[in-house]
Amino acid sequence: QVQLVESGGGLVQAGGSLRLSCAASGRTFSSYATGWFRQAPGKEREFVTAMSTTGGRTDYADSVKGRFTISRDNAKNTVYLQMNSLKPEDTAVYYCAAKNVGYSYDVVAHARRYAYWGQGTQVTVSS
């Protein structure tokens, strides 16, 4: 089992940047595929990005391609989301998620496949 704790959210002006972190407990984090999702008020949770266990494979929602970058440091049990050129429509609660995939290099893009979720961190982008 793994516990996830996000940090790094806040208020930023349009065009600015933020870096979110997701710290995971447990000793086998390198066996977990990870992802970031977001949920804006009145909307469903949506996929943002995901990364395989080793970081060799990634996937991004079209809305964030070229602006957001996912990365991970398995030695620190941490996943990051670098967000640049932020837009007001990026305003949402951002959640990290993890799924134990063992030795697979799968990228997991569907929220229902994830077993573990963080509590979320608020990102607000002002215009």
Foldseek 3Di string as FASTA:
>chain_A
DKAKAKDWADEEAAQAKIKMKIAMDDDVLLQKKKFKWWDDPPGDIAGAKIFFSVRPDMDGDPVQPPFWDWDDDSVRRMIMIIGGRDDQVVWTWMKMFIDRNGPDRDTDGDPVRTDYMYPTDTHGYHD
